[in-house]
Protein backbone atom coordinates (compact mmCIF):
# COMPACT_ATOMS: atom_id res chain seq x y z
CA MET A 1 89.55 117.41 76.32
CA THR A 2 90.57 115.63 79.89
CA ASN A 3 90.20 116.37 82.57
CA THR A 4 91.70 115.94 86.29
CA ILE A 5 91.64 113.42 89.23
CA ASN A 6 93.26 113.19 92.43
CA LEU A 7 93.95 111.20 94.49
CA VAL A 8 93.77 111.15 98.74
CA LYS A 9 95.72 108.95 100.98
CA LEU A 10 96.21 107.35 104.42
CA CYS A 11 99.56 108.71 105.97
CA VAL A 12 100.09 104.94 107.59
CA GLY A 13 102.20 105.59 110.77
CA ILE A 14 102.29 109.47 109.93
CA ASP A 15 101.83 111.59 113.03
CA SER A 16 102.43 114.87 111.38
CA LEU A 17 104.01 116.73 108.82
CA GLU A 18 107.59 116.65 110.32
CA HIS A 19 107.37 113.37 111.18
CA LEU A 20 106.72 112.80 107.24
CA GLU A 21 109.61 115.23 105.88
CA THR A 22 111.77 113.17 109.04
CA TRP A 23 110.83 110.00 107.49
CA ARG A 24 111.63 110.76 103.98
CA ALA A 25 114.77 112.30 104.52
CA SER A 26 116.22 109.16 106.58
CA ARG A 27 115.22 106.79 103.28
CA ARG A 28 116.99 108.92 101.26
CA LYS A 29 121.10 109.48 100.19
CA PRO A 30 122.21 113.47 101.22
CA GLY A 31 121.04 114.68 97.79
CA ASP A 32 119.01 112.56 96.17
CA THR A 33 116.66 113.56 93.86
CA THR A 34 115.68 110.33 92.49
CA PRO A 35 111.47 111.26 92.52
CA ILE A 36 109.59 109.69 95.23
CA GLN A 37 107.30 106.97 94.83
CA HIS A 38 104.30 105.28 97.02
CA VAL A 39 103.47 101.54 95.83
CA THR A 40 99.70 100.47 96.35
CA ARG A 41 98.18 97.06 94.89
CA MET A 42 95.69 98.63 92.40
CA TRP A 43 96.15 101.20 89.09
CA PRO A 44 93.79 103.50 89.01
CA LYS A 45 91.16 103.13 86.35
CA ARG A 46 91.49 106.90 85.95
CA GLU A 47 94.92 107.20 85.27
CA THR A 48 94.72 109.75 82.08
CA GLU A 49 92.94 112.08 84.38
CA LEU A 50 95.23 111.61 86.49
CA LEU A 51 98.35 111.95 84.77
CA ASN A 52 96.64 115.60 83.65
CA GLY A 53 97.98 117.15 86.78
CA GLY A 54 96.27 115.20 89.23
CA SER A 55 98.52 115.05 93.06
CA LEU A 56 98.63 112.76 95.71
CA TYR A 57 96.72 114.36 98.97
CA TRP A 58 97.88 112.95 102.02
CA VAL A 59 95.99 112.50 105.43
CA ILE A 60 97.89 112.48 108.99
CA LYS A 61 95.21 111.69 111.49
CA GLY A 62 92.33 112.08 110.18
CA VAL A 63 93.34 115.67 108.12
CA ILE A 64 94.17 116.57 104.80
CA LEU A 65 97.46 118.84 105.35
CA ALA A 66 99.47 118.04 102.06
CA ARG A 67 99.39 116.52 98.43
CA GLN A 68 102.43 116.31 95.99
CA ARG A 69 102.05 116.66 92.32
CA VAL A 70 101.62 112.99 90.10
CA LEU A 71 104.58 112.62 87.56
CA SER A 72 103.45 109.72 86.53
CA LEU A 73 102.38 105.21 87.08
CA ASP A 74 104.81 103.05 86.93
CA GLU A 75 104.43 98.32 87.07
CA VAL A 76 105.63 96.71 89.43
CA ILE A 77 106.24 93.47 90.07
CA GLY A 78 106.43 92.61 93.78
CA GLN A 79 109.02 89.15 94.84
CA ASP A 80 105.15 87.74 95.44
CA GLY A 81 105.20 87.89 91.19
CA ILE A 82 101.72 90.04 92.10
CA ARG A 83 101.46 93.43 89.57
CA ARG A 84 101.86 96.65 91.54
CA CYS A 85 100.86 100.44 90.86
CA ALA A 86 104.01 102.75 92.00
CA ILE A 87 102.74 105.68 92.37
CA VAL A 88 105.72 108.71 91.78
CA MET A 89 105.20 111.51 92.97
CA ASP A 90 107.42 115.14 92.99
CA ASN A 91 109.70 114.76 95.89
CA GLU A 92 107.83 118.47 96.68
CA LEU A 93 105.37 118.71 99.79
CA ILE A 94 102.81 120.93 98.80
CA ARG A 95 100.63 122.16 102.33
CA THR A 96 97.46 122.25 102.15
CA GLU A 97 94.60 124.08 104.12
CA ALA A 98 93.79 120.69 106.67
CA ALA A 99 90.70 119.10 105.71
CA PRO A 100 89.31 116.84 107.84
CA ARG A 101 89.32 112.69 106.49
CA ARG A 102 86.88 109.97 107.88
CA ALA A 103 89.54 106.75 107.54
CA PHE A 104 89.39 104.11 104.78
CA GLN A 105 91.98 102.19 102.92
CA GLY A 106 93.68 101.71 99.45
CA TRP A 107 93.03 105.48 97.88
CA ARG A 108 90.24 107.45 96.95
CA TYR A 109 89.85 109.83 93.96
CA LEU A 110 89.46 113.42 94.88
CA LYS A 111 87.36 115.47 92.18
CA PRO A 112 89.71 119.52 92.21
CA GLU A 113 86.31 121.48 93.50
CA ASP A 114 87.04 119.55 96.51
CA ALA A 115 89.88 119.45 96.79
CA PRO A 116 91.51 121.74 99.46
CA ALA A 117 93.13 125.27 98.78
CA ASP A 118 97.31 125.01 99.25
CA LEU A 119 98.77 126.86 101.88
CA GLY A 120 100.10 130.27 101.00
CA GLN A 121 104.06 130.73 100.20
CA SER A 122 104.16 133.28 103.44
CA ARG A 123 101.92 129.95 105.71
CA THR A 124 103.82 127.02 105.24
CA HIS A 125 106.93 128.28 107.83
CA GLU A 126 104.16 128.42 110.38
CA ASP A 127 104.12 126.48 112.79
CA THR A 128 102.48 123.54 113.09
CA LEU A 129 98.82 123.42 115.60
CA PRO A 130 98.72 120.23 117.25
CA ASN A 131 97.01 117.00 114.89
CA ALA A 132 94.20 117.07 117.53
CA LEU A 133 93.53 120.84 117.01
CA THR A 134 93.90 120.81 113.72
CA ALA A 135 91.11 118.28 113.26
CA ALA A 136 88.73 120.05 115.32
CA LEU A 137 89.37 123.54 113.82
CA ALA A 138 88.97 122.32 109.96
CA GLU A 139 85.20 119.83 111.87
CA ILE A 140 84.14 123.46 112.32
CA GLY A 141 85.35 125.35 109.48
CA VAL A 142 88.64 126.97 111.10
CA ARG A 143 91.76 126.20 108.59
């Protein structure tokens, strides 16, 4: 039996989930349904576990706020000739409960039992709190 593992990654340069959604939309043509990719230097050694239902959890301003299901890992050769990994993700951005995360470089593994829960459908359209307030509430355990 294969276990599942997730990745957690900083969403650098993005201030909020709304900013991420706007940025993503600005980089796509209308009607484009091609899965989103994030290219990284390192290839996950736990590829089998990641592709067994894993997700990439996005850290925005120090707080995990969303995830995307990982569909595949594709090899990409850069213009410099270096092999990289394209993490191919489902286009759906799933909001999660806020979970604080300290800064780090690259990505880290995230066990399913340590991952924040998805927000219920009834909460996905709520107004979002400012990131500083979300981080402070998550830090003290208020979700």
